[in-house]
Structure formats: C-alpha cells, structure tokens
PDB file of all heavy atoms in Angstrom:
ATOM      1  N   ARG A   1      61.810 -19.420  76.594  1.00  0.00           N
ATOM      2  CA  ARG A   1      63.263 -19.457  76.778  1.00  0.00           C
ATOM      3  C   ARG A   1      63.864 -18.056  76.778  1.00  0.00           C
ATOM      4  O   ARG A   1      64.740 -17.746  77.564  1.00  0.00           O
ATOM      5  CB  ARG A   1      63.915 -20.323  75.698  1.00  0.00           C
ATOM      6  CG  ARG A   1      63.631 -21.797  75.900  1.00  0.00           C
ATOM      7  CD  ARG A   1      64.285 -22.681  74.908  1.00  0.00           C
ATOM      8  NE  ARG A   1      65.443 -22.101  74.281  1.00  0.00           N
ATOM      9  CZ  ARG A   1      65.944 -22.442  73.113  1.00  0.00           C
ATOM     10  NH1 ARG A   1      65.345 -23.389  72.423  1.00  0.00           N
ATOM     11  NH2 ARG A   1      66.988 -21.873  72.600  1.00  0.00           N
ATOM     12  N   MET A   2      63.354 -17.187  75.886  1.00  0.00           N
ATOM     13  CA  MET A   2      63.856 -15.800  75.863  1.00  0.00           C
ATOM     14  C   MET A   2      63.529 -15.081  77.162  1.00  0.00           C
ATOM     15  O   MET A   2      64.388 -14.378  77.707  1.00  0.00           O
ATOM     16  CB  MET A   2      63.261 -15.042  74.681  1.00  0.00           C
ATOM     17  CG  MET A   2      63.878 -15.376  73.370  1.00  0.00           C
ATOM     18  SD  MET A   2      63.187 -14.315  72.090  1.00  0.00           S
ATOM     19  CE  MET A   2      62.956 -15.498  70.806  1.00  0.00           C
ATOM     20  N   VAL A   3      62.319 -15.250  77.648  1.00  0.00           N
ATOM     21  CA  VAL A   3      61.948 -14.619  78.915  1.00  0.00           C
ATOM     22  C   VAL A   3      62.831 -15.171  80.033  1.00  0.00           C
ATOM     23  O   VAL A   3      63.320 -14.414  80.875  1.00  0.00           O
ATOM     24  CB  VAL A   3      60.445 -14.838  79.224  1.00  0.00           C
ATOM     25  CG1 VAL A   3      60.124 -14.461  80.658  1.00  0.00           C
ATOM     26  CG2 VAL A   3      59.587 -14.035  78.261  1.00  0.00           C
ATOM     27  N   HIS A   4      63.073 -16.460  80.021  1.00  0.00           N
ATOM     28  CA  HIS A   4      63.896 -17.089  81.059  1.00  0.00           C
ATOM     29  C   HIS A   4      65.346 -16.574  80.983  1.00  0.00           C
ATOM     30  O   HIS A   4      65.921 -16.230  82.005  1.00  0.00           O
ATOM     31  CB  HIS A   4      63.864 -18.617  80.876  1.00  0.00           C
ATOM     32  CG  HIS A   4      64.677 -19.327  81.883  1.00  0.00           C
ATOM     33  ND1 HIS A   4      64.283 -19.463  83.191  1.00  0.00           N
ATOM     34  CD2 HIS A   4      65.871 -19.971  81.797  1.00  0.00           C
ATOM     35  CE1 HIS A   4      65.207 -20.147  83.856  1.00  0.00           C
ATOM     36  NE2 HIS A   4      66.166 -20.466  83.016  1.00  0.00           N
ATOM     37  N   VAL A   5      65.883 -16.478  79.785  1.00  0.00           N
ATOM     38  CA  VAL A   5      67.260 -15.994  79.605  1.00  0.00           C
ATOM     39  C   VAL A   5      67.391 -14.535  80.045  1.00  0.00           C
ATOM     40  O   VAL A   5      68.393 -14.117  80.588  1.00  0.00           O
ATOM     41  CB  VAL A   5      67.724 -16.183  78.146  1.00  0.00           C
ATOM     42  CG1 VAL A   5      68.999 -15.436  77.862  1.00  0.00           C
ATOM     43  CG2 VAL A   5      67.920 -17.660  77.854  1.00  0.00           C
ATOM     44  N   ASP A   6      66.336 -13.733  79.807  1.00  0.00           N
ATOM     45  CA  ASP A   6      66.345 -12.339  80.202  1.00  0.00           C
ATOM     46  C   ASP A   6      66.191 -12.149  81.700  1.00  0.00           C
ATOM     47  O   ASP A   6      66.215 -11.031  82.183  1.00  0.00           O
ATOM     48  CB  ASP A   6      65.227 -11.568  79.504  1.00  0.00           C
ATOM     49  CG  ASP A   6      65.605 -11.156  78.092  1.00  0.00           C
ATOM     50  OD1 ASP A   6      66.793 -11.176  77.765  1.00  0.00           O
ATOM     51  OD2 ASP A   6      64.705 -10.777  77.320  1.00  0.00           O
ATOM     52  N   HIS A   7      66.023 -13.238  82.428  1.00  0.00           N
ATOM     53  CA  HIS A   7      65.903 -13.225  83.877  1.00  0.00           C
ATOM     54  C   HIS A   7      64.720 -12.372  84.348  1.00  0.00           C
ATOM     55  O   HIS A   7      64.807 -11.677  85.367  1.00  0.00           O
ATOM     56  CB  HIS A   7      67.215 -12.744  84.533  1.00  0.00           C
ATOM     57  CG  HIS A   7      68.386 -13.541  84.124  1.00  0.00           C
ATOM     58  ND1 HIS A   7      68.547 -14.865  84.493  1.00  0.00           N
ATOM     59  CD2 HIS A   7      69.457 -13.247  83.349  1.00  0.00           C
ATOM     60  CE1 HIS A   7      69.667 -15.327  83.976  1.00  0.00           C
ATOM     61  NE2 HIS A   7      70.232 -14.368  83.267  1.00  0.00           N
ATOM     62  N   ILE A   8      63.636 -12.375  83.566  1.00  0.00           N
ATOM     63  CA  ILE A   8      62.406 -11.727  84.016  1.00  0.00           C
ATOM     64  C   ILE A   8      61.767 -12.716  84.954  1.00  0.00           C
ATOM     65  O   ILE A   8      61.377 -13.801  84.540  1.00  0.00           O
ATOM     66  CB  ILE A   8      61.484 -11.403  82.833  1.00  0.00           C
ATOM     67  CG1 ILE A   8      62.201 -10.491  81.833  1.00  0.00           C
ATOM     68  CG2 ILE A   8      60.192 -10.760  83.323  1.00  0.00           C
ATOM     69  CD1 ILE A   8      61.440 -10.319  80.526  1.00  0.00           C
ATOM     70  N   LYS A   9      61.699 -12.380  86.220  1.00  0.00           N
ATOM     71  CA  LYS A   9      61.276 -13.369  87.218  1.00  0.00           C
ATOM     72  C   LYS A   9      59.976 -12.957  87.900  1.00  0.00           C
ATOM     73  O   LYS A   9      59.575 -11.810  87.861  1.00  0.00           O
ATOM     74  CB  LYS A   9      62.357 -13.524  88.308  1.00  0.00           C
ATOM     75  CG  LYS A   9      63.649 -14.101  87.772  1.00  0.00           C
ATOM     76  CD  LYS A   9      63.452 -15.506  87.293  1.00  0.00           C
ATOM     77  CE  LYS A   9      64.749 -16.080  86.783  1.00  0.00           C
ATOM     78  NZ  LYS A   9      64.564 -17.218  85.944  1.00  0.00           N
ATOM     79  N   GLY A  10      59.369 -13.942  88.531  1.00  0.00           N
ATOM     80  CA  GLY A  10      58.204 -13.710  89.372  1.00  0.00           C
ATOM     81  C   GLY A  10      56.971 -13.315  88.571  1.00  0.00           C
ATOM     82  O   GLY A  10      56.751 -13.795  87.481  1.00  0.00           O
ATOM     83  N   ASN A  11      56.182 -12.459  89.172  1.00  0.00           N
ATOM     84  CA  ASN A  11      54.911 -12.060  88.604  1.00  0.00           C
ATOM     85  C   ASN A  11      55.062 -11.428  87.235  1.00  0.00           C
ATOM     86  O   ASN A  11      54.255 -11.681  86.336  1.00  0.00           O
ATOM     87  CB  ASN A  11      54.173 -11.114  89.563  1.00  0.00           C
ATOM     88  CG  ASN A  11      52.733 -10.922  89.189  1.00  0.00           C
ATOM     89  OD1 ASN A  11      52.042 -11.890  88.884  1.00  0.00           O
ATOM     90  ND2 ASN A  11      52.302  -9.698  89.203  1.00  0.00           N
ATOM     91  N   ASP A  12      56.097 -10.605  87.030  1.00  0.00           N
ATOM     92  CA  ASP A  12      56.313  -9.973  85.717  1.00  0.00           C
ATOM     93  C   ASP A  12      56.468 -11.013  84.621  1.00  0.00           C
ATOM     94  O   ASP A  12      55.925 -10.878  83.525  1.00  0.00           O
ATOM     95  CB  ASP A  12      57.551  -9.065  85.743  1.00  0.00           C
ATOM     96  CG  ASP A  12      57.357  -7.830  86.602  1.00  0.00           C
ATOM     97  OD1 ASP A  12      56.208  -7.372  86.735  1.00  0.00           O
ATOM     98  OD2 ASP A  12      58.356  -7.349  87.152  1.00  0.00           O
ATOM     99  N   GLU A  13      57.233 -12.062  84.914  1.00  0.00           N
ATOM    100  CA  GLU A  13      57.450 -13.147  83.957  1.00  0.00           C
ATOM    101  C   GLU A  13      56.138 -13.827  83.593  1.00  0.00           C
ATOM    102  O   GLU A  13      55.832 -14.038  82.420  1.00  0.00           O
ATOM    103  CB  GLU A  13      58.426 -14.149  84.555  1.00  0.00           C
ATOM    104  CG  GLU A  13      58.731 -15.337  83.699  1.00  0.00           C
ATOM    105  CD  GLU A  13      59.707 -16.270  84.373  1.00  0.00           C
ATOM    106  OE1 GLU A  13      59.337 -16.796  85.450  1.00  0.00           O
ATOM    107  OE2 GLU A  13      60.796 -16.487  83.851  1.00  0.00           O
ATOM    108  N   GLU A  14      55.356 -14.129  84.600  1.00  0.00           N
ATOM    109  CA  GLU A  14      54.096 -14.816  84.348  1.00  0.00           C
ATOM    110  C   GLU A  14      53.101 -13.947  83.591  1.00  0.00           C
ATOM    111  O   GLU A  14      52.450 -14.425  82.657  1.00  0.00           O
ATOM    112  CB  GLU A  14      53.488 -15.273  85.677  1.00  0.00           C
ATOM    113  CG  GLU A  14      54.289 -16.349  86.361  1.00  0.00           C
ATOM    114  CD  GLU A  14      53.767 -16.672  87.736  1.00  0.00           C
ATOM    115  OE1 GLU A  14      52.587 -16.418  88.027  1.00  0.00           O
ATOM    116  OE2 GLU A  14      54.560 -17.215  88.538  1.00  0.00           O
ATOM    117  N   VAL A  15      52.988 -12.691  83.972  1.00  0.00           N
ATOM    118  CA  VAL A  15      52.059 -11.772  83.293  1.00  0.00           C
ATOM    119  C   VAL A  15      52.439 -11.618  81.829  1.00  0.00           C
ATOM    120  O   VAL A  15      51.581 -11.715  80.949  1.00  0.00           O
ATOM    121  CB  VAL A  15      51.999 -10.414  84.002  1.00  0.00           C
ATOM    122  CG1 VAL A  15      51.271  -9.380  83.173  1.00  0.00           C
ATOM    123  CG2 VAL A  15      51.349 -10.555  85.379  1.00  0.00           C
ATOM    124  N   LEU A  16      53.708 -11.426  81.550  1.00  0.00           N
ATOM    125  CA  LEU A  16      54.181 -11.260  80.180  1.00  0.00           C
ATOM    126  C   LEU A  16      53.886 -12.506  79.357  1.00  0.00           C
ATOM    127  O   LEU A  16      53.327 -12.433  78.262  1.00  0.00           O
ATOM    128  CB  LEU A  16      55.682 -10.953  80.170  1.00  0.00           C
ATOM    129  CG  LEU A  16      56.330 -10.786  78.810  1.00  0.00           C
ATOM    130  CD1 LEU A  16      55.703  -9.660  78.033  1.00  0.00           C
ATOM    131  CD2 LEU A  16      57.832 -10.563  78.990  1.00  0.00           C
ATOM    132  N   LEU A  17      54.227 -13.667  79.869  1.00  0.00           N
ATOM    133  CA  LEU A  17      53.997 -14.893  79.108  1.00  0.00           C
ATOM    134  C   LEU A  17      52.504 -15.218  78.946  1.00  0.00           C
ATOM    135  O   LEU A  17      52.106 -15.750  77.919  1.00  0.00           O
ATOM    136  CB  LEU A  17      54.726 -16.077  79.743  1.00  0.00           C
ATOM    137  CG  LEU A  17      56.158 -16.235  79.289  1.00  0.00           C
ATOM    138  CD1 LEU A  17      56.830 -17.394  80.002  1.00  0.00           C
ATOM    139  CD2 LEU A  17      56.277 -16.410  77.801  1.00  0.00           C
ATOM    140  N   ARG A  18      51.721 -14.885  79.929  1.00  0.00           N
ATOM    141  CA  ARG A  18      50.274 -15.114  79.786  1.00  0.00           C
ATOM    142  C   ARG A  18      49.709 -14.250  78.650  1.00  0.00           C
ATOM    143  O   ARG A  18      48.931 -14.735  77.848  1.00  0.00           O
ATOM    144  CB  ARG A  18      49.538 -14.791  81.085  1.00  0.00           C
ATOM    145  CG  ARG A  18      49.697 -15.839  82.131  1.00  0.00           C
ATOM    146  CD  ARG A  18      48.900 -15.510  83.367  1.00  0.00           C
ATOM    147  NE  ARG A  18      49.341 -16.351  84.465  1.00  0.00           N
ATOM    148  CZ  ARG A  18      49.274 -16.026  85.735  1.00  0.00           C
ATOM    149  NH1 ARG A  18      48.763 -14.867  86.099  1.00  0.00           N
ATOM    150  NH2 ARG A  18      49.702 -16.852  86.654  1.00  0.00           N
ATOM    151  N   LYS A  19      50.126 -12.992  78.616  1.00  0.00           N
ATOM    152  CA  LYS A  19      49.683 -12.115  77.527  1.00  0.00           C
ATOM    153  C   LYS A  19      50.090 -12.686  76.165  1.00  0.00           C
ATOM    154  O   LYS A  19      49.305 -12.731  75.230  1.00  0.00           O
ATOM    155  CB  LYS A  19      50.291 -10.716  77.675  1.00  0.00           C
ATOM    156  CG  LYS A  19      49.751  -9.878  78.803  1.00  0.00           C
ATOM    157  CD  LYS A  19      50.491  -8.549  78.794  1.00  0.00           C
ATOM    158  CE  LYS A  19      50.132  -7.629  79.888  1.00  0.00           C
ATOM    159  NZ  LYS A  19      50.894  -6.363  79.800  1.00  0.00           N
ATOM    160  N   ILE A  20      51.329 -13.106  76.081  1.00  0.00           N
ATOM    161  CA  ILE A  20      51.851 -13.618  74.827  1.00  0.00           C
ATOM    162  C   ILE A  20      51.129 -14.914  74.438  1.00  0.00           C
ATOM    163  O   ILE A  20      50.759 -15.122  73.285  1.00  0.00           O
ATOM    164  CB  ILE A  20      53.368 -13.828  74.901  1.00  0.00           C
ATOM    165  CG1 ILE A  20      54.068 -12.481  74.992  1.00  0.00           C
ATOM    166  CG2 ILE A  20      53.879 -14.635  73.714  1.00  0.00           C
ATOM    167  CD1 ILE A  20      55.550 -12.561  75.327  1.00  0.00           C
ATOM    168  N   ALA A  21      50.906 -15.789  75.420  1.00  0.00           N
ATOM    169  CA  ALA A  21      50.249 -17.059  75.137  1.00  0.00           C
ATOM    170  C   ALA A  21      48.833 -16.860  74.614  1.00  0.00           C
ATOM    171  O   ALA A  21      48.406 -17.536  73.674  1.00  0.00           O
ATOM    172  CB  ALA A  21      50.241 -17.947  76.385  1.00  0.00           C
ATOM    173  N   VAL A  22      48.113 -15.904  75.169  1.00  0.00           N
ATOM    174  CA  VAL A  22      46.776 -15.588  74.658  1.00  0.00           C
ATOM    175  C   VAL A  22      46.895 -15.068  73.220  1.00  0.00           C
ATOM    176  O   VAL A  22      46.138 -15.437  72.344  1.00  0.00           O
ATOM    177  CB  VAL A  22      46.024 -14.601  75.576  1.00  0.00           C
ATOM    178  CG1 VAL A  22      44.756 -14.082  74.918  1.00  0.00           C
ATOM    179  CG2 VAL A  22      45.705 -15.254  76.919  1.00  0.00           C
ATOM    180  N   GLY A  23      47.894 -14.207  72.992  1.00  0.00           N
ATOM    181  CA  GLY A  23      48.122 -13.693  71.640  1.00  0.00           C
ATOM    182  C   GLY A  23      48.492 -14.774  70.651  1.00  0.00           C
ATOM    183  O   GLY A  23      48.206 -14.653  69.452  1.00  0.00           O
ATOM    184  N   LEU A  24      49.123 -15.838  71.130  1.00  0.00           N
ATOM    185  CA  LEU A  24      49.472 -16.954  70.259  1.00  0.00           C
ATOM    186  C   LEU A  24      48.290 -17.854  69.940  1.00  0.00           C
ATOM    187  O   LEU A  24      48.355 -18.700  69.075  1.00  0.00           O
ATOM    188  CB  LEU A  24      50.566 -17.827  70.910  1.00  0.00           C
ATOM    189  CG  LEU A  24      51.979 -17.270  70.881  1.00  0.00           C
ATOM    190  CD1 LEU A  24      52.904 -18.160  71.690  1.00  0.00           C
ATOM    191  CD2 LEU A  24      52.479 -17.137  69.467  1.00  0.00           C
ATOM    192  N   GLY A  25      47.195 -17.669  70.678  1.00  0.00           N
ATOM    193  CA  GLY A  25      46.000 -18.441  70.389  1.00  0.00           C
ATOM    194  C   GLY A  25      45.630 -19.466  71.453  1.00  0.00           C
ATOM    195  O   GLY A  25      44.692 -20.233  71.271  1.00  0.00           O
ATOM    196  N   PHE A  26      46.337 -19.465  72.582  1.00  0.00           N
ATOM    197  CA  PHE A  26      45.948 -20.350  73.673  1.00  0.00           C
ATOM    198  C   PHE A  26      44.738 -19.755  74.375  1.00  0.00           C
ATOM    199  O   PHE A  26      44.626 -18.536  74.521  1.00  0.00           O
ATOM    200  CB  PHE A  26      47.097 -20.552  74.659  1.00  0.00           C
ATOM    201  CG  PHE A  26      48.251 -21.322  74.097  1.00  0.00           C
ATOM    202  CD1 PHE A  26      49.365 -20.667  73.600  1.00  0.00           C
ATOM    203  CD2 PHE A  26      48.196 -22.703  74.040  1.00  0.00           C
ATOM    204  CE1 PHE A  26      50.418 -21.374  73.054  1.00  0.00           C
ATOM    205  CE2 PHE A  26      49.265 -23.423  73.502  1.00  0.00           C
ATOM    206  CZ  PHE A  26      50.369 -22.759  73.016  1.00  0.00           C
ATOM    207  N   HIS A  27      43.821 -20.592  74.846  1.00  0.00           N
ATOM    208  CA  HIS A  27      42.593 -20.131  75.466  1.00  0.00           C
ATOM    209  C   HIS A  27      42.903 -19.465  76.818  1.00  0.00           C
ATOM    210  O   HIS A  27      43.669 -19.997  77.612  1.00  0.00           O
ATOM    211  CB  HIS A  27      41.628 -21.295  75.649  1.00  0.00           C
ATOM    212  CG  HIS A  27      40.231 -20.858  75.927  1.00  0.00           C
ATOM    213  ND1 HIS A  27      39.830 -20.388  77.166  1.00  0.00           N
ATOM    214  CD2 HIS A  27      39.148 -20.787  75.116  1.00  0.00           C
ATOM    215  CE1 HIS A  27      38.568 -20.065  77.110  1.00  0.00           C
ATOM    216  NE2 HIS A  27      38.127 -20.300  75.872  1.00  0.00           N
ATOM    217  N   ALA A  28      42.280 -18.320  77.068  1.00  0.00           N
ATOM    218  CA  ALA A  28      42.538 -17.540  78.281  1.00  0.00           C
ATOM    219  C   ALA A  28      42.238 -18.328  79.555  1.00  0.00           C
ATOM    220  O   ALA A  28      42.878 -18.112  80.582  1.00  0.00           O
ATOM    221  CB  ALA A  28      41.721 -16.254  78.246  1.00  0.00           C
ATOM    222  N   VAL A  29      41.282 -19.244  79.495  1.00  0.00           N
ATOM    223  CA  VAL A  29      40.938 -20.044  80.682  1.00  0.00           C
ATOM    224  C   VAL A  29      42.094 -20.950  81.099  1.00  0.00           C
ATOM    225  O   VAL A  29      42.337 -21.159  82.288  1.00  0.00           O
ATOM    226  CB  VAL A  29      39.661 -20.875  80.404  1.00  0.00           C
ATOM    227  CG1 VAL A  29      39.382 -21.858  81.527  1.00  0.00           C
ATOM    228  CG2 VAL A  29      38.448 -19.963  80.174  1.00  0.00           C
ATOM    229  N   ASN A  30      42.839 -21.463  80.131  1.00  0.00           N
ATOM    230  CA  ASN A  30      43.911 -22.419  80.410  1.00  0.00           C
ATOM    231  C   ASN A  30      45.283 -21.790  80.460  1.00  0.00           C
ATOM    232  O   ASN A  30      46.252 -22.470  80.811  1.00  0.00           O
ATOM    233  CB  ASN A  30      43.932 -23.505  79.326  1.00  0.00           C
ATOM    234  CG  ASN A  30      42.653 -24.273  79.268  1.00  0.00           C
ATOM    235  OD1 ASN A  30      41.985 -24.485  80.283  1.00  0.00           O
ATOM    236  ND2 ASN A  30      42.277 -24.696  78.080  1.00  0.00           N
ATOM    237  N   VAL A  31      45.414 -20.534  80.107  1.00  0.00           N
ATOM    238  CA  VAL A  31      46.737 -19.946  79.896  1.00  0.00           C
ATOM    239  C   VAL A  31      47.593 -19.931  81.170  1.00  0.00           C
ATOM    240  O   VAL A  31      48.793 -20.130  81.083  1.00  0.00           O
ATOM    241  CB  VAL A  31      46.627 -18.539  79.257  1.00  0.00           C
ATOM    242  CG1 VAL A  31      46.249 -17.474  80.255  1.00  0.00           C
ATOM    243  CG2 VAL A  31      47.907 -18.180  78.535  1.00  0.00           C
ATOM    244  N   LYS A  32      47.003 -19.753  82.327  1.00  0.00           N
ATOM    245  CA  LYS A  32      47.800 -19.768  83.571  1.00  0.00           C
ATOM    246  C   LYS A  32      48.512 -21.105  83.743  1.00  0.00           C
ATOM    247  O   LYS A  32      49.699 -21.136  84.055  1.00  0.00           O
ATOM    248  CB  LYS A  32      46.913 -19.472  84.785  1.00  0.00           C
ATOM    249  CG  LYS A  32      47.694 -19.512  86.094  1.00  0.00           C
ATOM    250  CD  LYS A  32      46.812 -19.437  87.295  1.00  0.00           C
ATOM    251  CE  LYS A  32      47.526 -19.439  88.607  1.00  0.00           C
ATOM    252  NZ  LYS A  32      48.763 -20.120  88.731  1.00  0.00           N
ATOM    253  N   TYR A  33      47.797 -22.175  83.521  1.00  0.00           N
ATOM    254  CA  TYR A  33      48.373 -23.520  83.695  1.00  0.00           C
ATOM    255  C   TYR A  33      49.436 -23.805  82.641  1.00  0.00           C
ATOM    256  O   TYR A  33      50.458 -24.397  82.921  1.00  0.00           O
ATOM    257  CB  TYR A  33      47.267 -24.563  83.662  1.00  0.00           C
ATOM    258  CG  TYR A  33      46.183 -24.284  84.664  1.00  0.00           C
ATOM    259  CD1 TYR A  33      44.952 -23.822  84.256  1.00  0.00           C
ATOM    260  CD2 TYR A  33      46.421 -24.409  86.034  1.00  0.00           C
ATOM    261  CE1 TYR A  33      43.943 -23.519  85.197  1.00  0.00           C
ATOM    262  CE2 TYR A  33      45.447 -24.102  86.971  1.00  0.00           C
ATOM    263  CZ  TYR A  33      44.217 -23.663  86.542  1.00  0.00           C
ATOM    264  OH  TYR A  33      43.256 -23.348  87.466  1.00  0.00           O
ATOM    265  N   ILE A  34      49.158 -23.376  81.419  1.00  0.00           N
ATOM    266  CA  ILE A  34      50.122 -23.593  80.320  1.00  0.00           C
ATOM    267  C   ILE A  34      51.404 -22.833  80.585  1.00  0.00           C
ATOM    268  O   ILE A  34      52.514 -23.378  80.444  1.00  0.00           O
ATOM    269  CB  ILE A  34      49.496 -23.189  78.977  1.00  0.00           C
ATOM    270  CG1 ILE A  34      48.339 -24.154  78.625  1.00  0.00           C
ATOM    271  CG2 ILE A  34      50.528 -23.161  77.859  1.00  0.00           C
ATOM    272  CD1 ILE A  34      47.457 -23.683  77.492  1.00  0.00           C
ATOM    273  N   VAL A  35      51.290 -21.583  80.992  1.00  0.00           N
ATOM    274  CA  VAL A  35      52.481 -20.761  81.264  1.00  0.00           C
ATOM    275  C   VAL A  35      53.259 -21.290  82.470  1.00  0.00           C
ATOM    276  O   VAL A  35      54.493 -21.361  82.426  1.00  0.00           O
ATOM    277  CB  VAL A  35      52.093 -19.271  81.433  1.00  0.00           C
ATOM    278  CG1 VAL A  35      53.231 -18.459  82.044  1.00  0.00           C
ATOM    279  CG2 VAL A  35      51.663 -18.680  80.102  1.00  0.00           C
ATOM    280  N   ASP A  36      52.540 -21.640  83.516  1.00  0.00           N
ATOM    281  CA  ASP A  36      53.236 -22.212  84.690  1.00  0.00           C
ATOM    282  C   ASP A  36      54.049 -23.439  84.288  1.00  0.00           C
ATOM    283  O   ASP A  36      55.217 -23.591  84.670  1.00  0.00           O
ATOM    284  CB  ASP A  36      52.238 -22.596  85.787  1.00  0.00           C
ATOM    285  CG  ASP A  36      51.623 -21.394  86.478  1.00  0.00           C
ATOM    286  OD1 ASP A  36      52.117 -20.255  86.298  1.00  0.00           O
ATOM    287  OD2 ASP A  36      50.629 -21.582  87.198  1.00  0.00           O
ATOM    288  N   LYS A  37      53.444 -24.322  83.508  1.00  0.00           N
ATOM    289  CA  LYS A  37      54.125 -25.535  83.054  1.00  0.00           C
ATOM    290  C   LYS A  37      55.294 -25.185  82.124  1.00  0.00           C
ATOM    291  O   LYS A  37      56.383 -25.753  82.257  1.00  0.00           O
ATOM    292  CB  LYS A  37      53.132 -26.450  82.341  1.00  0.00           C
ATOM    293  CG  LYS A  37      53.712 -27.764  81.870  1.00  0.00           C
ATOM    294  CD  LYS A  37      53.982 -28.683  83.044  1.00  0.00           C
ATOM    295  CE  LYS A  37      54.331 -30.072  82.568  1.00  0.00           C
ATOM    296  NZ  LYS A  37      54.444 -31.022  83.649  1.00  0.00           N
ATOM    297  N   ALA A  38      55.095 -24.229  81.215  1.00  0.00           N
ATOM    298  CA  ALA A  38      56.148 -23.820  80.275  1.00  0.00           C
ATOM    299  C   ALA A  38      57.351 -23.294  81.048  1.00  0.00           C
ATOM    300  O   ALA A  38      58.497 -23.634  80.711  1.00  0.00           O
ATOM    301  CB  ALA A  38      55.615 -22.773  79.305  1.00  0.00           C
ATOM    302  N   LEU A  39      57.115 -22.478  82.064  1.00  0.00           N
ATOM    303  CA  LEU A  39      58.217 -21.919  82.826  1.00  0.00           C
ATOM    304  C   LEU A  39      58.986 -22.978  83.618  1.00  0.00           C
ATOM    305  O   LEU A  39      60.215 -22.938  83.684  1.00  0.00           O
ATOM    306  CB  LEU A  39      57.703 -20.823  83.774  1.00  0.00           C
ATOM    307  CG  LEU A  39      57.190 -19.583  83.085  1.00  0.00           C
ATOM    308  CD1 LEU A  39      56.539 -18.618  84.095  1.00  0.00           C
ATOM    309  CD2 LEU A  39      58.315 -18.856  82.326  1.00  0.00           C
ATOM    310  N   VAL A  40      58.262 -23.932  84.161  1.00  0.00           N
ATOM    311  CA  VAL A  40      58.930 -25.024  84.888  1.00  0.00           C
ATOM    312  C   VAL A  40      59.786 -25.826  83.914  1.00  0.00           C
ATOM    313  O   VAL A  40      60.952 -26.140  84.205  1.00  0.00           O
ATOM    314  CB  VAL A  40      57.891 -25.924  85.592  1.00  0.00           C
ATOM    315  CG1 VAL A  40      58.519 -27.224  86.072  1.00  0.00           C
ATOM    316  CG2 VAL A  40      57.252 -25.190  86.751  1.00  0.00           C
TER     317      VAL A  40
END
C-alpha cells in the first residue's frame, strides 16, 4: 500500500517489492507471483 500510495509504478515498483518480499521471508521462486498479485 505504501509503494502504491507513493506512485512508484512499473518495473521500479515490482523490483522494490520483490526485494522486500524476499527480505520478509517469501521464497524467491514464488516472489514474482506474490508481488504481482499483491499489487493487483
């Protein structure tokens, strides 16, 4: 929600959230799908 409110869009938004999601403990193999779904 913070990334969305900050209007970080496109590839930058996805890269940032993927990094954070891995740091939160989500598996790197699944992180793309999790972040895509989270953003939607």
